[in-house]
Amino acid sequence: SQPRLEVRPLPRPALTAMVNGVVSPPSGPPMQPPKLTEGIPDPHAIEQQKNAYARSLDEQLSQGIRMIEQTNEAKKERNATGVRHEERAVLHAGGSAIEGAGDERRAAGKLPAHGLATSCL
């Protein structure tokens, strides 16, 4: 068995009289129309919401900046560690890699005796 729906017409104000085709308003106190601003926050509440949102954005910005700074510091440390490692490798090799650099090109006549390239091409 289905529940029975009851349909009722909306209440209508009672008409008092019709004179020359014009309906006179009902007697008694006038009905107030619904407020159009019902449920809309007042200016003070709006200002509080704006301030809370601005604080939220500022906090997100601060967190983003801290994250970028931490990432940047970690990259700098990795780079510095890599440079120190390469320096130790060169020092350990006794500088032979640097001293011999260009020997093949100098022997082939592509570098002058002083070891400096005279052209970028």
N, C-alpha and C. Protein backbone atom coordinates (compact mmCIF):
# COMPACT_ATOMS: atom_id res chain seq x y z
N SER A 1 0.84 -1.18 0.00
CA SER A 1 0.00 0.00 0.00
C SER A 1 0.88 1.24 0.00
N GLN A 2 0.61 2.14 -0.88
CA GLN A 2 1.39 3.36 -1.01
C GLN A 2 0.85 4.42 -0.06
N PRO A 3 1.76 5.28 0.45
CA PRO A 3 1.26 6.35 1.31
C PRO A 3 0.43 7.32 0.48
N ARG A 4 -0.59 7.80 1.06
CA ARG A 4 -1.50 8.70 0.36
C ARG A 4 -1.00 10.14 0.51
N LEU A 5 -0.86 10.82 -0.62
CA LEU A 5 -0.44 12.21 -0.61
C LEU A 5 -1.67 13.10 -0.53
N GLU A 6 -1.59 14.05 0.36
CA GLU A 6 -2.71 14.96 0.51
C GLU A 6 -2.34 16.28 -0.14
N VAL A 7 -3.13 16.74 -1.07
CA VAL A 7 -2.87 17.99 -1.77
C VAL A 7 -3.91 19.00 -1.29
N ARG A 8 -3.37 20.12 -0.79
CA ARG A 8 -4.27 21.17 -0.32
C ARG A 8 -3.95 22.46 -1.08
N PRO A 9 -4.94 23.24 -1.43
CA PRO A 9 -4.67 24.52 -2.09
C PRO A 9 -4.05 25.50 -1.11
N LEU A 10 -3.26 26.43 -1.64
CA LEU A 10 -2.66 27.46 -0.79
C LEU A 10 -3.76 28.38 -0.29
N PRO A 11 -3.61 28.90 0.93
CA PRO A 11 -4.62 29.81 1.43
C PRO A 11 -4.60 31.11 0.63
N ARG A 12 -5.75 31.63 0.37
CA ARG A 12 -5.88 32.88 -0.38
C ARG A 12 -6.55 33.91 0.52
N PRO A 13 -6.15 35.15 0.34
CA PRO A 13 -6.82 36.17 1.16
C PRO A 13 -8.29 36.30 0.73
N ALA A 14 -9.10 36.55 1.67
CA ALA A 14 -10.53 36.68 1.38
C ALA A 14 -10.78 38.00 0.65
N LEU A 15 -11.57 37.93 -0.38
CA LEU A 15 -11.93 39.12 -1.13
C LEU A 15 -13.16 39.73 -0.46
N THR A 16 -13.11 41.04 -0.29
CA THR A 16 -14.24 41.66 0.39
C THR A 16 -15.32 42.10 -0.58
N ALA A 17 -14.88 42.73 -1.67
CA ALA A 17 -15.90 43.19 -2.61
C ALA A 17 -15.25 43.52 -3.94
N MET A 18 -16.07 43.51 -4.95
CA MET A 18 -15.58 43.89 -6.27
C MET A 18 -16.43 45.08 -6.72
N VAL A 19 -15.73 46.22 -6.93
CA VAL A 19 -16.45 47.43 -7.33
C VAL A 19 -15.87 47.91 -8.64
N ASN A 20 -16.72 48.04 -9.64
CA ASN A 20 -16.31 48.49 -10.97
C ASN A 20 -15.14 47.66 -11.52
N GLY A 21 -15.12 46.37 -11.29
CA GLY A 21 -14.09 45.48 -11.81
C GLY A 21 -12.80 45.49 -11.01
N VAL A 22 -12.77 46.23 -9.89
CA VAL A 22 -11.56 46.29 -9.05
C VAL A 22 -11.85 45.54 -7.77
N VAL A 23 -10.94 44.66 -7.40
CA VAL A 23 -11.11 43.88 -6.17
C VAL A 23 -10.52 44.67 -5.03
N SER A 24 -11.27 44.84 -3.98
CA SER A 24 -10.75 45.55 -2.82
C SER A 24 -9.89 44.58 -1.99
N PRO A 25 -8.89 45.11 -1.30
CA PRO A 25 -8.00 44.24 -0.51
C PRO A 25 -8.75 43.62 0.66
N PRO A 26 -8.21 42.51 1.19
CA PRO A 26 -8.86 41.88 2.33
C PRO A 26 -8.79 42.78 3.55
N SER A 27 -9.70 42.60 4.43
CA SER A 27 -9.67 43.39 5.66
C SER A 27 -8.68 42.79 6.63
N GLY A 28 -8.26 43.57 7.59
CA GLY A 28 -7.31 43.11 8.59
C GLY A 28 -5.92 43.64 8.30
N PRO A 29 -4.94 43.23 9.11
CA PRO A 29 -3.58 43.74 8.92
C PRO A 29 -2.98 43.24 7.60
N PRO A 30 -2.18 44.10 6.94
CA PRO A 30 -1.59 43.68 5.67
C PRO A 30 -0.54 42.59 5.88
N MET A 31 -0.42 41.71 4.91
CA MET A 31 0.59 40.65 4.99
C MET A 31 1.95 41.24 4.59
N GLN A 32 2.97 40.90 5.36
CA GLN A 32 4.32 41.37 5.07
C GLN A 32 4.96 40.45 4.03
N PRO A 33 5.57 41.04 3.01
CA PRO A 33 6.26 40.18 2.04
C PRO A 33 7.51 39.59 2.69
N PRO A 34 7.98 38.46 2.20
CA PRO A 34 9.20 37.89 2.78
C PRO A 34 10.39 38.81 2.53
N LYS A 35 11.31 38.83 3.48
CA LYS A 35 12.50 39.66 3.35
C LYS A 35 13.40 39.06 2.26
N LEU A 36 13.83 39.90 1.34
CA LEU A 36 14.71 39.44 0.26
C LEU A 36 16.13 39.19 0.76
N THR A 37 16.47 39.76 1.89
CA THR A 37 17.83 39.58 2.43
C THR A 37 17.91 38.46 3.45
N GLU A 38 16.85 37.69 3.58
CA GLU A 38 16.83 36.58 4.53
C GLU A 38 17.94 35.58 4.19
N GLY A 39 18.78 35.28 5.17
CA GLY A 39 19.85 34.31 4.98
C GLY A 39 21.15 34.91 4.45
N ILE A 40 21.13 36.20 4.09
CA ILE A 40 22.36 36.85 3.61
C ILE A 40 23.08 37.44 4.82
N PRO A 41 24.40 37.20 4.96
CA PRO A 41 25.11 37.72 6.13
C PRO A 41 25.17 39.25 6.11
N ASP A 42 25.24 39.82 7.31
CA ASP A 42 25.33 41.27 7.43
C ASP A 42 26.75 41.73 7.10
N PRO A 43 26.97 43.03 6.91
CA PRO A 43 28.30 43.53 6.53
C PRO A 43 29.40 43.14 7.52
N HIS A 44 29.08 43.12 8.80
CA HIS A 44 30.10 42.74 9.80
C HIS A 44 30.52 41.29 9.61
N ALA A 45 29.57 40.40 9.39
CA ALA A 45 29.88 38.98 9.17
C ALA A 45 30.68 38.81 7.89
N ILE A 46 30.34 39.57 6.86
CA ILE A 46 31.09 39.50 5.60
C ILE A 46 32.53 39.93 5.81
N GLU A 47 32.72 41.00 6.57
CA GLU A 47 34.09 41.49 6.85
C GLU A 47 34.88 40.43 7.62
N GLN A 48 34.24 39.76 8.57
CA GLN A 48 34.93 38.69 9.32
C GLN A 48 35.32 37.55 8.39
N GLN A 49 34.43 37.19 7.47
CA GLN A 49 34.74 36.12 6.51
C GLN A 49 35.90 36.53 5.61
N LYS A 50 35.90 37.78 5.15
CA LYS A 50 37.00 38.25 4.30
C LYS A 50 38.33 38.21 5.04
N ASN A 51 38.33 38.64 6.30
CA ASN A 51 39.56 38.63 7.09
C ASN A 51 40.05 37.20 7.34
N ALA A 52 39.13 36.29 7.61
CA ALA A 52 39.53 34.89 7.83
C ALA A 52 40.10 34.30 6.54
N TYR A 53 39.50 34.61 5.41
CA TYR A 53 40.01 34.11 4.13
C TYR A 53 41.38 34.70 3.82
N ALA A 54 41.57 36.00 4.10
CA ALA A 54 42.88 36.63 3.87
C ALA A 54 43.95 35.99 4.75
N ARG A 55 43.61 35.71 6.03
CA ARG A 55 44.58 35.04 6.91
C ARG A 55 44.92 33.66 6.37
N SER A 56 43.91 32.95 5.85
CA SER A 56 44.14 31.63 5.29
C SER A 56 45.09 31.70 4.09
N LEU A 57 44.87 32.68 3.21
CA LEU A 57 45.76 32.85 2.05
C LEU A 57 47.18 33.20 2.49
N ASP A 58 47.30 34.08 3.49
CA ASP A 58 48.63 34.45 3.99
C ASP A 58 49.35 33.22 4.56
N GLU A 59 48.63 32.38 5.28
CA GLU A 59 49.24 31.17 5.84
C GLU A 59 49.68 30.22 4.74
N GLN A 60 48.86 30.06 3.70
CA GLN A 60 49.24 29.21 2.58
C GLN A 60 50.48 29.75 1.89
N LEU A 61 50.56 31.06 1.73
CA LEU A 61 51.73 31.69 1.11
C LEU A 61 52.97 31.43 1.97
N SER A 62 52.85 31.62 3.28
CA SER A 62 53.99 31.39 4.17
C SER A 62 54.46 29.95 4.10
N GLN A 63 53.53 29.01 4.08
CA GLN A 63 53.91 27.59 3.98
C GLN A 63 54.61 27.32 2.65
N GLY A 64 54.10 27.89 1.58
CA GLY A 64 54.73 27.71 0.26
C GLY A 64 56.13 28.26 0.23
N ILE A 65 56.32 29.45 0.82
CA ILE A 65 57.65 30.06 0.86
C ILE A 65 58.61 29.19 1.66
N ARG A 66 58.14 28.71 2.83
CA ARG A 66 59.01 27.85 3.66
C ARG A 66 59.40 26.58 2.91
N MET A 67 58.44 26.00 2.19
CA MET A 67 58.72 24.77 1.44
C MET A 67 59.76 25.03 0.34
N ILE A 68 59.62 26.14 -0.38
CA ILE A 68 60.57 26.48 -1.44
C ILE A 68 61.95 26.76 -0.84
N GLU A 69 61.99 27.46 0.28
CA GLU A 69 63.29 27.74 0.93
C GLU A 69 63.96 26.45 1.38
N GLN A 70 63.20 25.53 1.96
CA GLN A 70 63.77 24.25 2.40
C GLN A 70 64.28 23.45 1.21
N THR A 71 63.51 23.43 0.13
CA THR A 71 63.94 22.71 -1.07
C THR A 71 65.21 23.34 -1.63
N ASN A 72 65.25 24.66 -1.66
CA ASN A 72 66.42 25.37 -2.16
C ASN A 72 67.66 25.05 -1.31
N GLU A 73 67.51 25.06 0.01
CA GLU A 73 68.63 24.75 0.90
C GLU A 73 69.11 23.31 0.69
N ALA A 74 68.17 22.38 0.51
CA ALA A 74 68.55 20.98 0.29
C ALA A 74 69.32 20.84 -1.02
N LYS A 75 68.89 21.55 -2.07
CA LYS A 75 69.60 21.50 -3.35
C LYS A 75 70.99 22.11 -3.23
N LYS A 76 71.09 23.23 -2.51
CA LYS A 76 72.41 23.85 -2.31
C LYS A 76 73.35 22.88 -1.59
N GLU A 77 72.83 22.21 -0.58
CA GLU A 77 73.66 21.27 0.18
C GLU A 77 74.09 20.10 -0.70
N ARG A 78 73.17 19.57 -1.52
CA ARG A 78 73.55 18.48 -2.43
C ARG A 78 74.61 18.94 -3.42
N ASN A 79 74.45 20.16 -3.95
CA ASN A 79 75.45 20.67 -4.89
C ASN A 79 76.80 20.86 -4.21
N ALA A 80 76.79 21.41 -3.00
CA ALA A 80 78.04 21.62 -2.27
C ALA A 80 78.72 20.28 -1.97
N THR A 81 77.92 19.29 -1.61
CA THR A 81 78.48 17.96 -1.34
C THR A 81 79.10 17.38 -2.61
N GLY A 82 78.42 17.56 -3.74
CA GLY A 82 78.95 17.06 -5.01
C GLY A 82 80.24 17.76 -5.39
N VAL A 83 80.31 19.07 -5.18
CA VAL A 83 81.53 19.82 -5.50
C VAL A 83 82.67 19.35 -4.60
N ARG A 84 82.40 19.20 -3.29
CA ARG A 84 83.45 18.72 -2.38
C ARG A 84 83.94 17.34 -2.80
N HIS A 85 83.03 16.48 -3.22
CA HIS A 85 83.40 15.13 -3.65
C HIS A 85 84.29 15.20 -4.91
N GLU A 86 83.92 16.06 -5.87
CA GLU A 86 84.73 16.21 -7.08
C GLU A 86 86.10 16.81 -6.76
N GLU A 87 86.15 17.77 -5.84
CA GLU A 87 87.44 18.35 -5.45
C GLU A 87 88.35 17.28 -4.85
N ARG A 88 87.79 16.45 -3.97
CA ARG A 88 88.59 15.38 -3.36
C ARG A 88 89.10 14.41 -4.43
N ALA A 89 88.24 14.11 -5.41
CA ALA A 89 88.65 13.17 -6.46
C ALA A 89 89.80 13.75 -7.27
N VAL A 90 89.73 15.05 -7.57
CA VAL A 90 90.81 15.68 -8.34
C VAL A 90 92.09 15.73 -7.50
N LEU A 91 91.98 16.10 -6.24
CA LEU A 91 93.16 16.16 -5.38
C LEU A 91 93.75 14.77 -5.17
N HIS A 92 92.91 13.77 -5.06
CA HIS A 92 93.38 12.40 -4.87
C HIS A 92 94.14 11.92 -6.11
N ALA A 93 93.67 12.35 -7.28
CA ALA A 93 94.33 11.94 -8.52
C ALA A 93 95.64 12.69 -8.72
N GLY A 94 95.93 13.62 -7.83
CA GLY A 94 97.20 14.35 -7.92
C GLY A 94 97.19 15.42 -8.99
N GLY A 95 96.05 15.79 -9.45
CA GLY A 95 95.97 16.84 -10.45
C GLY A 95 96.35 16.37 -11.83
N SER A 96 96.58 15.07 -12.02
CA SER A 96 97.02 14.58 -13.33
C SER A 96 95.96 14.81 -14.40
N ALA A 97 94.72 14.81 -14.01
CA ALA A 97 93.67 15.03 -15.00
C ALA A 97 93.74 16.46 -15.53
N ILE A 98 94.07 17.40 -14.67
CA ILE A 98 94.16 18.79 -15.10
C ILE A 98 95.43 19.02 -15.91
N GLU A 99 96.55 18.46 -15.44
CA GLU A 99 97.82 18.67 -16.13
C GLU A 99 97.80 18.10 -17.54
N GLY A 100 97.10 16.99 -17.75
CA GLY A 100 97.09 16.34 -19.05
C GLY A 100 95.99 16.85 -19.97
N ALA A 101 95.17 17.73 -19.47
CA ALA A 101 94.06 18.21 -20.28
C ALA A 101 94.58 18.93 -21.51
N GLY A 102 94.07 18.57 -22.64
CA GLY A 102 94.45 19.23 -23.88
C GLY A 102 95.68 18.65 -24.56
N ASP A 103 96.34 17.66 -23.95
CA ASP A 103 97.55 17.09 -24.56
C ASP A 103 97.25 16.53 -25.95
N GLU A 104 96.09 15.83 -26.07
CA GLU A 104 95.76 15.24 -27.37
C GLU A 104 95.51 16.33 -28.40
N ARG A 105 94.82 17.37 -28.02
CA ARG A 105 94.51 18.45 -28.97
C ARG A 105 95.79 19.23 -29.32
N ARG A 106 96.67 19.41 -28.34
CA ARG A 106 97.92 20.12 -28.60
C ARG A 106 98.79 19.31 -29.57
N ALA A 107 98.83 17.99 -29.37
CA ALA A 107 99.63 17.13 -30.24
C ALA A 107 99.07 17.12 -31.66
N ALA A 108 97.77 17.25 -31.80
CA ALA A 108 97.17 17.25 -33.13
C ALA A 108 97.25 18.62 -33.78
N GLY A 109 97.83 19.60 -33.06
CA GLY A 109 97.96 20.94 -33.62
C GLY A 109 96.72 21.79 -33.47
N LYS A 110 95.78 21.32 -32.68
CA LYS A 110 94.56 22.10 -32.50
C LYS A 110 94.66 23.08 -31.35
N LEU A 111 95.65 22.96 -30.49
CA LEU A 111 95.89 23.92 -29.41
C LEU A 111 97.32 24.42 -29.52
N PRO A 112 97.56 25.72 -29.29
CA PRO A 112 98.93 26.21 -29.29
C PRO A 112 99.68 25.67 -28.07
N ALA A 113 100.94 25.86 -28.02
CA ALA A 113 101.80 25.33 -26.96
C ALA A 113 101.38 25.85 -25.59
N HIS A 114 100.87 27.09 -25.53
CA HIS A 114 100.47 27.62 -24.23
C HIS A 114 99.21 26.97 -23.70
N GLY A 115 98.45 26.19 -24.52
CA GLY A 115 97.31 25.42 -24.06
C GLY A 115 95.99 26.15 -24.08
N LEU A 116 95.98 27.41 -24.52
CA LEU A 116 94.74 28.15 -24.56
C LEU A 116 94.16 28.15 -25.95
N ALA A 117 92.90 27.90 -26.06
CA ALA A 117 92.25 27.90 -27.37
C ALA A 117 92.17 29.33 -27.87
N THR A 118 92.42 29.52 -29.16
CA THR A 118 92.37 30.86 -29.73
C THR A 118 91.06 31.14 -30.41
N SER A 119 90.23 30.14 -30.58
CA SER A 119 88.95 30.32 -31.25
C SER A 119 87.91 29.42 -30.59
N CYS A 120 86.68 29.85 -30.62
CA CYS A 120 85.60 29.06 -30.05
C CYS A 120 85.12 28.02 -31.05
N LEU A 121 85.48 28.11 -32.33
CA LEU A 121 85.01 27.18 -33.36
C LEU A 121 85.86 25.96 -33.44
